[in-house]
């Protein structure tokens, strides 16, 4: 069985710079974000990444009980996200004729 990352571990990843990747992943899927100019997009990306990192720090620092409470729910959602992501990647590879 595959072990899914825990909520606390995910928050630490966000604080350690993962917020830049997570914000980019989210923002690139928002059509309105795509309509913005380059400098505006950079500013918003920096702002969202900073807010995610600081928000993660706030949760770890001030709400450790919430992290423990949310852990099983986070693992369910993370497992579903990983499954869908891998399924989409497999289908894209399979349709490319390489698989």
Protein backbone atom coordinates (compact mmCIF):
# COMPACT_ATOMS: atom_id res chain seq x y z
CA UNK A 1 0.00 0.00 0.00
CA UNK A 2 1.22 3.49 -0.83
CA UNK A 3 1.61 5.90 2.08
CA UNK A 4 0.15 9.33 1.35
CA UNK A 5 1.89 12.39 2.76
CA UNK A 6 0.33 13.70 5.95
CA UNK A 7 -1.21 17.14 6.44
CA UNK A 8 1.57 18.29 8.78
CA UNK A 9 4.23 17.12 6.32
CA UNK A 10 2.43 18.92 3.51
CA UNK A 11 2.37 22.15 5.53
CA UNK A 12 6.10 21.86 6.20
CA UNK A 13 6.65 21.35 2.45
CA UNK A 14 4.63 24.51 1.75
CA UNK A 15 6.71 26.48 4.27
CA UNK A 16 9.97 25.18 2.77
CA UNK A 17 9.17 26.61 -0.67
CA UNK A 18 6.59 24.18 -1.98
CA UNK A 19 4.13 27.04 -1.88
CA UNK A 20 5.73 28.39 -5.08
CA UNK A 21 4.99 25.14 -6.91
CA UNK A 22 1.53 24.75 -5.41
CA UNK A 23 0.50 28.32 -6.24
CA UNK A 24 1.80 27.96 -9.78
CA UNK A 25 -0.13 24.70 -10.23
CA UNK A 26 -3.34 26.35 -9.03
CA UNK A 27 -2.96 29.72 -10.79
CA UNK A 28 -2.11 28.21 -14.18
CA UNK A 29 -5.53 26.53 -14.17
CA UNK A 30 -7.48 29.76 -13.67
CA UNK A 31 -8.54 31.24 -17.04
CA UNK A 32 -8.74 34.81 -15.66
CA UNK A 33 -5.13 34.53 -14.47
CA UNK A 34 -4.03 33.68 -18.01
CA UNK A 35 -5.46 36.96 -19.31
CA UNK A 36 -3.20 39.07 -17.10
CA UNK A 37 0.08 40.66 -18.17
CA UNK A 38 3.42 39.07 -17.32
CA UNK A 39 4.42 41.40 -14.48
CA UNK A 40 0.97 41.24 -12.88
CA UNK A 41 1.06 37.44 -13.08
CA UNK A 42 4.46 37.40 -11.37
CA UNK A 43 3.27 39.67 -8.58
CA UNK A 44 0.13 37.61 -7.98
CA UNK A 45 2.15 34.37 -8.05
CA UNK A 46 4.60 35.74 -5.46
CA UNK A 47 1.74 37.02 -3.29
CA UNK A 48 -0.20 33.74 -3.40
CA UNK A 49 2.96 31.70 -2.67
CA UNK A 50 3.82 33.95 0.28
CA UNK A 51 0.29 33.73 1.66
CA UNK A 52 0.32 29.94 1.34
CA UNK A 53 3.68 29.67 3.11
CA UNK A 54 2.72 32.05 5.90
CA UNK A 55 -0.69 30.37 6.23
CA UNK A 56 1.00 26.99 6.56
CA UNK A 57 3.30 28.40 9.24
CA UNK A 58 0.32 29.85 11.11
CA UNK A 59 -1.47 26.50 11.10
CA UNK A 60 1.60 24.61 12.31
CA UNK A 61 2.32 27.19 14.99
CA UNK A 62 -1.12 28.10 16.25
CA UNK A 63 -3.41 25.19 15.35
CA UNK A 64 -1.63 21.86 15.86
CA UNK A 65 -4.88 20.31 17.16
CA UNK A 66 -6.60 21.19 13.89
CA UNK A 67 -3.81 19.51 11.92
CA UNK A 68 -4.32 16.29 13.88
CA UNK A 69 -8.09 16.50 13.38
CA UNK A 70 -7.79 17.16 9.62
CA UNK A 71 -5.11 14.49 9.00
CA UNK A 72 -7.38 11.59 7.92
CA UNK A 73 -9.48 13.85 5.69
CA UNK A 74 -6.37 15.33 4.10
CA UNK A 75 -5.01 11.83 3.36
CA UNK A 76 -8.27 10.86 1.64
CA UNK A 77 -8.24 13.98 -0.55
CA UNK A 78 -4.49 13.67 -1.26
CA UNK A 79 -4.94 10.03 -2.28
CA UNK A 80 -7.76 10.97 -4.66
CA UNK A 81 -5.70 13.84 -6.12
CA UNK A 82 -2.69 11.57 -6.67
CA UNK A 83 -4.87 8.89 -8.31
CA UNK A 84 -6.48 11.36 -10.69
CA UNK A 85 -3.14 13.01 -11.51
CA UNK A 86 -1.50 9.65 -12.29
CA UNK A 87 -4.52 8.49 -14.28
CA UNK A 88 -4.45 11.64 -16.41
CA UNK A 89 -0.70 11.27 -16.95
CA UNK A 90 -1.14 7.63 -17.99
CA UNK A 91 -3.93 8.48 -20.44
CA UNK A 92 -1.92 11.33 -21.98
CA UNK A 93 1.07 9.01 -22.40
CA UNK A 94 -1.11 6.21 -23.79
CA UNK A 95 -2.77 8.52 -26.33
CA UNK A 96 0.63 9.79 -27.46
CA UNK A 97 1.28 6.41 -29.09
CA UNK A 98 4.37 5.74 -26.98
CA UNK A 99 2.65 3.33 -24.59
